[in-house]
Amino acid sequence: MRRLTLASSTALGIVVGGVLFNAPRALADLPTIDFASLVQQAKAFAQETGILDVLNTINTVQTTINNGISDLNKALGVGTFGDVQTLLQQGFTQTANYAKAQVGALTQLFDASNTANARFQRDMRNAQIRDEHTPSPLACSSLDGGVSTQSAGMQAFTVAATIAHIHDLRAAASVGMPSHFGQAQAVASMSAEHNGLYCNADDDAAGVCPSGVSNIQDADQQMLSLFGSGTYKDQAAVNTAKDYAINLIQPLAPPALRGDQLASTAGQDAAVRRHSYNARMSLAQSFVDTAIGMQTPSVPLTPIQAQFLKNMGLPAQANGSWLQVLQIEAERRISDVTWNANLQSMPPASVQREIASEMAMNNYLMFQNYKMQMMHATIDAAHLAEDTEREFMPTIRMPTPSMVAASSGP
C-alpha cells in the first residue's frame, strides 16, 4: 500500500507539473510513458485523497486575485498610463524631483533675501555715516552766529573803553575839558550841548535855542536814549546815549585843583579826596559806557539774523550790536518758525551738534553775566566804602601834636 501511494504521488506530481508548467510532448526517440493511464490513476487518486478539491480552491483564489488585480489596473488606467509599478516609480521620482527643485528654489530665495538685506543694511549704515559726517546748514548758521557774536563783543568792548576814557578825562577835569578852568565853564558847556541838540519848546520860547526846537527834544534826559531797540541806528544815536549817561552819572565835574591849590596842605587833602571821587565816578560811568558799547552797531548781520528780524516784524537793518546779536541767537531758537521747521528734519547727529551749540551759547552768556556781576560787586563795594567813610566819626577831637626839634649836641 505504501509503495502504491508513493507511486501514485509521483505520477500525480508529474501530471500536475505537466499541466501547470506546460511540459513539452515526448519525442519518438525518447522513452515513452503511458500518460493516459497515469492521468486516470492520478485523477482517481486525487478524488480519493481530496487533492483535486484543494487544486480547485487554489485555482478559484488565483482567479479572484487576478480579477482584483485586473480591476485595480483598470481603475489606475493600465491601458493609458502603464502598469502600477511604472506609475509608482514615476510618481516617486517626480516627487523627489519636485523636492530637489523646491530645495534649490528656496536656497536661491534665501540667498537673494540675504543679499538684499545685506545691501539694505549697508545702505542704512552709509546713510548714518553720511548724516554723522555731513554738517547741516543750521550748524553752519550757528557757527556764523557765534563768530558774529564774538566779533560784536570785541567791538563793543573797544567802543565802551573809548567812551569811558573820554568820560574819565572829563570827570577829572583834565586839560582841555570844560571843568579844567572852573565850574562856570562846565555849566556853560552843558547848556550849550543841550540847547544845540535837545532844545524843547520852553527853551525855544526863552530864546536860548540857536536852531529852534529839536527833533529829539530832551533826549539827553530820556531812558530810551540809552536802552532802546537794542541797536543804535547811527552815530548820532550813540552820541545821544552818551549825553544821557553824562546827565545820569555826572552832569558837572568839579573844577581841577591847580597851582597853589595843590601845593598847600589843604590842597593836598582835597586832592586825596578828589582822587577817591574820580575813581568812584569812573566806575559808575564805565558801567553805563559798557551798556552803550553793547548797543553800538558794530558788525554786519548774517542772513539768518536778518531773516529773523524780518520774521519778527522788526525794521530791516544791515548792522547789529552785540546786545542785539546775543538776543537774536538766544531767541530765534524759541520763536523762529524756520529754525523749528528745520529742527524737525534734523538727523540725530545734527541735533546733537545743535545741542552742543546751545550749550556753548549758554556758557558764553553765563560768562558775560559773570563779568557784569563783577562790576556790580565792585560798585556795591564802592557804596559800602563811601557809606562807611561817611558814617565814621572820631570819638573825640585829638589835638595836633607839637613837633619839637631835638637839640643839637655841643
Protein backbone atom coordinates (compact mmCIF):
# COMPACT_ATOMS: atom_id res chain seq x y z
CA MET A 1 0.00 0.00 0.00
CA ARG A 2 2.86 2.34 0.84
CA ARG A 3 4.53 1.63 -2.47
CA LEU A 4 1.28 2.30 -4.33
CA THR A 5 0.84 5.57 -2.52
CA LEU A 6 4.39 6.64 -3.39
CA ALA A 7 3.95 5.68 -7.00
CA SER A 8 0.61 7.41 -7.14
CA SER A 9 2.09 10.59 -5.62
CA THR A 10 4.91 10.54 -8.13
CA ALA A 11 2.58 10.11 -11.00
CA LEU A 12 0.30 12.82 -9.71
CA GLY A 13 3.26 15.24 -9.38
CA ILE A 14 4.29 14.51 -12.95
CA VAL A 15 0.78 15.13 -14.19
CA VAL A 16 0.31 18.33 -12.21
CA GLY A 17 3.75 19.59 -13.29
CA GLY A 18 2.95 18.83 -16.87
CA VAL A 19 -0.36 20.58 -16.66
CA LEU A 20 0.86 23.61 -14.75
CA PHE A 21 4.18 24.09 -16.43
CA ASN A 22 3.07 23.01 -19.91
CA ALA A 23 5.67 20.29 -20.28
CA PRO A 24 6.64 19.50 -23.90
CA ARG A 25 5.41 16.33 -25.56
CA ALA A 26 7.67 13.32 -25.70
CA LEU A 27 9.53 12.78 -28.91
CA ALA A 28 9.58 9.41 -30.75
CA ASP A 29 13.18 8.71 -29.91
CA LEU A 30 12.61 9.16 -26.21
CA PRO A 31 11.28 6.61 -23.85
CA THR A 32 7.51 6.79 -23.69
CA ILE A 33 5.23 6.56 -20.78
CA ASP A 34 1.56 5.83 -20.87
CA PHE A 35 0.38 9.17 -19.62
CA ALA A 36 -3.26 8.48 -20.21
CA SER A 37 -3.33 5.71 -17.69
CA LEU A 38 -1.22 7.70 -15.37
CA VAL A 39 -3.59 10.65 -15.64
CA GLN A 40 -6.54 8.45 -14.95
CA GLN A 41 -4.81 6.96 -11.97
CA ALA A 42 -3.82 10.43 -10.75
CA LYS A 43 -7.36 11.70 -11.05
CA ALA A 44 -8.71 8.70 -9.24
CA PHE A 45 -6.08 9.19 -6.56
CA ALA A 46 -6.85 12.90 -6.30
CA GLN A 47 -10.51 12.20 -5.91
CA GLU A 48 -9.83 9.58 -3.28
CA THR A 49 -7.44 11.83 -1.29
CA GLY A 50 -9.26 15.24 -1.82
CA ILE A 51 -6.27 16.84 -3.58
CA LEU A 52 -8.45 17.79 -6.51
CA ASP A 53 -10.65 19.91 -4.28
CA VAL A 54 -7.57 21.70 -2.98
CA LEU A 55 -6.39 22.44 -6.51
CA ASN A 56 -9.82 23.74 -7.44
CA THR A 57 -9.77 26.03 -4.37
CA ILE A 58 -6.31 27.31 -5.34
CA ASN A 59 -7.48 27.98 -8.86
CA THR A 60 -10.52 29.85 -7.55
CA VAL A 61 -8.36 32.02 -5.25
CA GLN A 62 -5.90 32.71 -8.05
CA THR A 63 -8.74 33.68 -10.37
CA THR A 64 -10.17 36.02 -7.72
CA ILE A 65 -6.76 37.68 -7.18
CA ASN A 66 -6.24 38.09 -10.90
CA ASN A 67 -9.68 39.59 -11.26
CA GLY A 68 -8.91 42.07 -8.38
CA ILE A 69 -5.61 43.00 -9.97
CA SER A 70 -7.37 43.42 -13.27
CA ASP A 71 -9.96 45.68 -11.68
CA LEU A 72 -7.16 47.70 -9.95
CA ASN A 73 -5.33 48.03 -13.22
CA LYS A 74 -8.49 49.22 -14.89
CA ALA A 75 -9.06 51.76 -12.12
CA LEU A 76 -5.47 53.03 -12.43
CA GLY A 77 -5.71 53.14 -16.20
CA VAL A 78 -3.31 50.45 -17.09
CA GLY A 79 -4.11 50.76 -20.71
CA THR A 80 -3.43 54.53 -20.84
CA PHE A 81 -0.59 55.32 -18.33
CA GLY A 82 1.10 51.98 -17.88
CA ASP A 83 1.22 49.46 -15.08
CA VAL A 84 1.12 50.24 -11.39
CA GLN A 85 4.81 49.68 -10.75
CA THR A 86 5.79 52.01 -13.52
CA LEU A 87 3.34 54.66 -12.36
CA LEU A 88 4.51 54.44 -8.76
CA GLN A 89 8.14 54.64 -9.80
CA GLN A 90 7.46 57.63 -11.98
CA GLY A 91 5.39 59.29 -9.24
CA PHE A 92 8.03 58.87 -6.57
CA THR A 93 10.69 60.03 -8.99
CA GLN A 94 8.69 63.14 -9.87
CA THR A 95 8.01 63.87 -6.19
CA ALA A 96 11.72 63.56 -5.47
CA ASN A 97 12.48 65.88 -8.37
CA TYR A 98 9.95 68.39 -7.06
CA ALA A 99 11.53 68.21 -3.59
CA LYS A 100 15.00 68.78 -5.03
CA ALA A 101 13.73 71.65 -7.14
CA GLN A 102 11.97 73.15 -4.13
CA VAL A 103 15.16 72.99 -2.06
CA GLY A 104 17.10 74.65 -4.85
CA ALA A 105 14.47 77.37 -5.26
CA LEU A 106 14.34 78.04 -1.54
CA THR A 107 18.13 78.23 -1.46
CA GLN A 108 18.09 80.82 -4.21
CA LEU A 109 15.33 82.76 -2.45
CA PHE A 110 17.24 82.75 0.82
CA ASP A 111 20.45 83.81 -0.92
CA ALA A 112 18.64 86.63 -2.71
CA SER A 113 16.93 87.72 0.52
CA ASN A 114 20.20 87.68 2.44
CA THR A 115 21.92 89.64 -0.32
CA ALA A 116 19.12 92.23 -0.47
CA ASN A 117 19.05 92.57 3.32
CA ALA A 118 22.83 92.96 3.44
CA ARG A 119 22.66 95.69 0.82
CA PHE A 120 19.84 97.40 2.71
CA GLN A 121 21.79 97.32 5.98
CA ARG A 122 24.86 98.64 4.17
CA ASP A 123 22.86 101.50 2.65
CA MET A 124 21.39 102.31 6.06
CA ARG A 125 24.86 102.41 7.59
CA ASN A 126 26.17 104.55 4.74
CA ALA A 127 23.28 106.96 5.30
CA GLN A 128 24.08 107.11 9.02
CA ILE A 129 27.76 107.78 8.30
CA ARG A 130 26.77 110.48 5.82
CA ASP A 131 24.42 112.13 8.31
CA GLU A 132 27.02 111.98 11.07
CA HIS A 133 29.81 113.49 8.98
CA THR A 134 27.90 115.98 6.85
CA PRO A 135 27.21 119.23 8.74
CA SER A 136 23.71 120.59 8.41
CA PRO A 137 23.06 124.15 7.17
CA LEU A 138 21.91 125.04 10.68
CA ALA A 139 25.32 124.06 12.06
CA CYS A 140 26.94 126.49 9.63
CA SER A 141 24.39 129.16 10.61
CA SER A 142 25.14 128.61 14.28
CA LEU A 143 28.86 128.95 13.60
CA ASP A 144 28.27 132.17 11.65
CA GLY A 145 26.14 133.49 14.51
CA GLY A 146 28.84 132.60 17.03
CA VAL A 147 31.55 134.35 15.03
CA SER A 148 29.30 137.39 14.63
CA THR A 149 28.60 137.42 18.37
CA GLN A 150 32.25 137.19 19.31
CA SER A 151 33.23 139.92 16.85
CA ALA A 152 30.44 142.19 18.11
CA GLY A 153 31.59 141.59 21.69
CA MET A 154 35.13 142.71 20.88
CA GLN A 155 33.84 145.81 19.07
CA ALA A 156 31.53 146.62 21.99
CA PHE A 157 34.43 146.44 24.43
CA THR A 158 36.51 148.77 22.24
CA VAL A 159 33.69 151.33 21.97
CA ALA A 160 32.97 151.20 25.71
CA ALA A 161 36.65 151.63 26.57
CA THR A 162 36.94 154.63 24.23
CA ILE A 163 33.89 156.37 25.71
CA ALA A 164 34.99 155.53 29.25
CA HIS A 165 38.41 157.09 28.64
CA ILE A 166 36.80 160.35 27.47
CA HIS A 167 34.48 160.39 30.46
CA ASP A 168 37.39 159.77 32.83
CA LEU A 169 39.20 162.82 31.45
CA ARG A 170 36.04 164.89 31.81
CA ALA A 171 35.37 163.73 35.40
CA ALA A 172 38.96 164.51 36.43
CA ALA A 173 38.73 168.00 34.83
CA SER A 174 41.83 167.30 32.81
CA VAL A 175 43.42 169.76 30.40
CA GLY A 176 41.05 170.52 27.55
CA MET A 177 37.92 169.52 29.48
CA PRO A 178 35.22 172.11 30.43
CA SER A 179 35.81 171.91 34.20
CA HIS A 180 39.56 172.45 33.96
CA PHE A 181 39.19 176.22 34.42
CA GLY A 182 36.17 176.24 36.72
CA GLN A 183 32.55 175.34 37.39
CA ALA A 184 31.15 178.17 35.24
CA GLN A 185 32.83 176.85 32.14
CA ALA A 186 31.39 173.39 32.83
CA VAL A 187 27.86 174.80 33.21
CA ALA A 188 28.20 176.79 30.01
CA SER A 189 29.38 173.72 28.12
CA MET A 190 26.46 171.58 29.31
CA SER A 191 23.93 174.31 28.49
CA ALA A 192 25.32 174.75 25.01
CA GLU A 193 25.20 170.98 24.48
CA HIS A 194 21.54 170.77 25.44
CA ASN A 195 20.39 173.92 23.62
CA GLY A 196 22.16 172.95 20.43
CA LEU A 197 20.89 169.36 20.18
CA TYR A 198 17.96 168.73 22.51
CA CYS A 199 16.12 172.06 22.79
CA ASN A 200 12.43 171.86 23.79
CA ALA A 201 9.60 174.36 23.31
CA ASP A 202 10.26 176.15 26.59
CA ASP A 203 13.92 176.55 25.74
CA ASP A 204 13.00 177.92 22.35
CA ALA A 205 10.47 180.34 23.91
CA ALA A 206 13.23 181.59 26.20
CA GLY A 207 15.36 182.33 23.16
CA VAL A 208 18.25 180.06 24.04
CA CYS A 209 17.87 177.64 21.11
CA PRO A 210 20.08 178.61 18.15
CA SER A 211 18.29 176.24 15.76
CA GLY A 212 14.78 176.15 17.18
CA VAL A 213 13.02 173.18 18.69
CA SER A 214 14.95 169.93 18.20
CA ASN A 215 13.56 166.81 16.56
CA ILE A 216 14.70 164.85 19.62
CA GLN A 217 13.58 167.13 22.42
CA ASP A 218 15.11 166.37 25.82
CA ALA A 219 16.59 163.12 24.50
CA ASP A 220 19.60 163.69 26.76
CA GLN A 221 17.23 163.15 29.69
CA GLN A 222 15.23 160.11 28.50
CA MET A 223 15.98 156.48 29.31
CA LEU A 224 15.05 155.30 25.81
CA SER A 225 18.11 157.12 24.53
CA LEU A 226 20.22 154.57 26.40
CA PHE A 227 18.07 151.45 26.20
CA GLY A 228 16.02 151.46 23.03
CA SER A 229 15.66 148.75 20.36
CA GLY A 230 18.96 147.07 21.22
CA THR A 231 20.95 148.75 18.46
CA TYR A 232 21.52 152.45 17.92
CA LYS A 233 20.56 153.34 14.38
CA ASP A 234 23.51 155.66 13.70
CA GLN A 235 26.38 157.57 15.27
CA ALA A 236 24.05 160.41 16.33
CA ALA A 237 22.07 157.91 18.42
CA VAL A 238 25.33 156.76 20.04
CA ASN A 239 26.18 160.37 20.96
CA THR A 240 22.69 160.87 22.40
CA ALA A 241 23.14 157.82 24.60
CA LYS A 242 26.49 159.22 25.74
CA ASP A 243 24.91 162.57 26.64
CA TYR A 244 22.17 160.80 28.60
CA ALA A 245 24.83 158.88 30.51
CA ILE A 246 26.56 162.15 31.41
CA ASN A 247 23.36 163.65 32.76
CA LEU A 248 22.64 160.41 34.59
CA ILE A 249 26.01 159.97 36.31
CA GLN A 250 27.92 163.25 36.40
CA PRO A 251 26.40 166.31 34.72
CA LEU A 252 29.03 168.65 36.18
CA ALA A 253 32.55 167.68 37.09
CA PRO A 254 34.22 169.64 39.92
CA PRO A 255 36.95 172.03 38.78
CA ALA A 256 40.50 170.82 38.82
CA LEU A 257 42.95 171.65 41.61
CA ARG A 258 45.74 173.64 40.05
CA GLY A 259 48.79 175.65 41.02
CA ASP A 260 48.98 176.83 44.63
CA GLN A 261 45.87 174.79 45.49
CA LEU A 262 47.87 171.59 45.19
CA ALA A 263 50.92 172.99 47.00
CA SER A 264 49.05 173.86 50.22
CA THR A 265 48.26 171.41 52.99
CA ALA A 266 44.51 171.83 52.47
CA GLY A 267 45.01 171.36 48.72
CA GLN A 268 46.81 168.07 49.27
CA ASP A 269 43.97 166.86 51.50
CA ALA A 270 41.46 167.95 48.86
CA ALA A 271 43.49 166.20 46.16
CA VAL A 272 43.32 162.90 48.04
CA ARG A 273 39.55 163.19 48.33
CA ARG A 274 39.30 164.20 44.67
CA HIS A 275 41.19 161.11 43.65
CA SER A 276 38.70 158.94 45.51
CA TYR A 277 35.85 160.86 43.87
CA ASN A 278 37.35 160.38 40.42
CA ALA A 279 37.77 156.63 40.98
CA ARG A 280 34.17 156.16 42.04
CA MET A 281 32.85 158.27 39.18
CA SER A 282 34.99 156.33 36.72
CA LEU A 283 33.50 153.06 37.97
CA ALA A 284 29.93 154.33 37.77
CA GLN A 285 30.43 155.95 34.38
CA SER A 286 32.21 152.94 32.87
CA PHE A 287 29.30 150.69 33.82
CA VAL A 288 26.96 152.84 31.73
CA ASP A 289 29.57 153.13 28.99
CA THR A 290 29.60 149.34 28.77
CA ALA A 291 25.86 149.40 28.13
CA ILE A 292 26.43 151.95 25.35
CA GLY A 293 29.16 149.81 23.77
CA MET A 294 26.92 146.74 23.83
CA GLN A 295 24.28 148.57 21.75
CA THR A 296 26.58 150.26 19.24
CA PRO A 297 26.12 148.87 15.69
CA SER A 298 29.43 147.17 15.05
CA VAL A 299 29.05 144.02 12.89
CA PRO A 300 27.04 143.09 9.77
CA LEU A 301 24.10 140.81 10.46
CA THR A 302 24.17 137.32 8.96
CA PRO A 303 21.37 136.33 6.52
CA ILE A 304 19.78 134.15 9.21
CA GLN A 305 19.81 137.02 11.72
CA ALA A 306 18.38 139.47 9.20
CA GLN A 307 15.66 136.95 8.27
CA PHE A 308 14.76 136.54 11.94
CA LEU A 309 14.25 140.30 12.31
CA LYS A 310 12.04 140.21 9.23
CA ASN A 311 10.02 137.29 10.58
CA MET A 312 9.50 139.15 13.85
CA GLY A 313 8.21 142.21 12.00
CA LEU A 314 11.15 144.42 13.06
CA PRO A 315 12.70 147.07 10.79
CA ALA A 316 15.32 145.73 8.40
CA GLN A 317 18.90 146.72 9.17
CA ALA A 318 22.33 145.87 7.85
CA ASN A 319 24.43 146.11 11.02
CA GLY A 320 23.74 144.94 14.53
CA SER A 321 25.10 145.43 18.02
CA TRP A 322 26.49 142.90 20.44
CA LEU A 323 23.33 143.05 22.54
CA GLN A 324 21.08 142.52 19.53
CA VAL A 325 23.15 139.66 18.14
CA LEU A 326 23.04 137.95 21.51
CA GLN A 327 19.30 138.49 21.64
CA ILE A 328 18.77 137.04 18.15
CA GLU A 329 20.91 133.96 18.82
CA ALA A 330 19.09 133.30 22.07
CA GLU A 331 15.54 133.97 20.86
CA ARG A 332 15.48 132.58 17.32
CA ARG A 333 15.65 129.02 18.63
CA ILE A 334 12.45 129.68 20.57
CA SER A 335 10.27 131.75 18.27
CA ASP A 336 11.72 131.39 14.75
CA VAL A 337 9.49 129.24 12.53
CA THR A 338 12.26 128.43 10.04
CA TRP A 339 14.63 127.10 12.70
CA ASN A 340 11.97 124.94 14.33
CA ALA A 341 10.89 123.54 10.95
CA ASN A 342 14.48 122.56 10.16
CA LEU A 343 14.82 121.00 13.61
CA GLN A 344 12.04 118.53 12.79
CA SER A 345 14.02 117.12 9.84
CA MET A 346 17.42 117.05 11.51
CA PRO A 347 19.18 113.67 11.78
CA PRO A 348 20.31 112.69 15.29
CA ALA A 349 23.90 113.79 14.68
CA SER A 350 22.78 117.29 13.64
CA VAL A 351 20.53 117.52 16.68
CA GLN A 352 23.48 116.68 18.91
CA ARG A 353 25.57 119.36 17.23
CA GLU A 354 22.79 121.88 17.75
CA ILE A 355 22.59 120.91 21.42
CA ALA A 356 26.35 121.41 21.73
CA SER A 357 26.00 124.83 20.08
CA GLU A 358 23.20 125.71 22.51
CA MET A 359 25.36 124.71 25.46
CA ALA A 360 28.26 126.79 24.13
CA MET A 361 25.97 129.80 23.78
CA ASN A 362 24.67 129.27 27.29
CA ASN A 363 28.23 129.14 28.65
CA TYR A 364 29.06 132.33 26.74
CA LEU A 365 26.08 134.16 28.21
CA MET A 366 26.88 132.92 31.69
CA PHE A 367 30.45 134.19 31.38
CA GLN A 368 29.31 137.62 30.16
CA ASN A 369 26.83 137.74 33.03
CA TYR A 370 29.68 136.86 35.39
CA LYS A 371 31.68 139.84 34.14
CA MET A 372 28.71 142.15 34.70
CA GLN A 373 28.26 140.72 38.16
CA MET A 374 31.88 141.56 38.94
CA MET A 375 31.19 145.18 38.01
CA HIS A 376 28.05 145.14 40.16
CA ALA A 377 30.01 143.73 43.06
CA THR A 378 32.68 146.43 42.62
CA ILE A 379 30.02 149.15 42.64
CA ASP A 380 28.49 147.67 45.79
CA ALA A 381 31.93 147.65 47.39
CA ALA A 382 32.37 151.33 46.50
CA HIS A 383 28.97 152.14 48.03
CA LEU A 384 29.93 150.27 51.18
CA ALA A 385 33.21 152.13 51.45
CA GLU A 386 31.56 155.52 50.92
CA ASP A 387 28.82 154.79 53.45
CA THR A 388 31.40 153.59 55.98
CA GLU A 389 33.55 156.66 55.47
CA ARG A 390 30.58 159.00 55.84
CA GLU A 391 29.35 157.35 59.00
CA PHE A 392 32.76 157.14 60.61
CA MET A 393 33.11 159.83 63.34
CA PRO A 394 36.08 160.10 65.65
CA THR A 395 35.28 159.59 69.32
CA ILE A 396 36.93 162.88 70.39
CA ARG A 397 38.84 165.54 68.55
CA MET A 398 42.51 164.91 69.03
CA PRO A 399 44.90 167.89 69.46
CA THR A 400 47.55 168.41 66.90
CA PRO A 401 50.84 167.15 68.30
CA SER A 402 53.65 169.75 68.61
CA MET A 403 56.84 168.70 66.99
CA VAL A 404 59.90 169.95 68.97
CA ALA A 405 63.18 169.82 67.18
CA ALA A 406 65.83 167.87 69.03
CA SER A 407 68.67 169.99 70.49
CA SER A 408 71.97 169.61 68.88
CA GLY A 409 74.96 168.44 70.90
CA PRO A 410 77.98 170.52 71.96
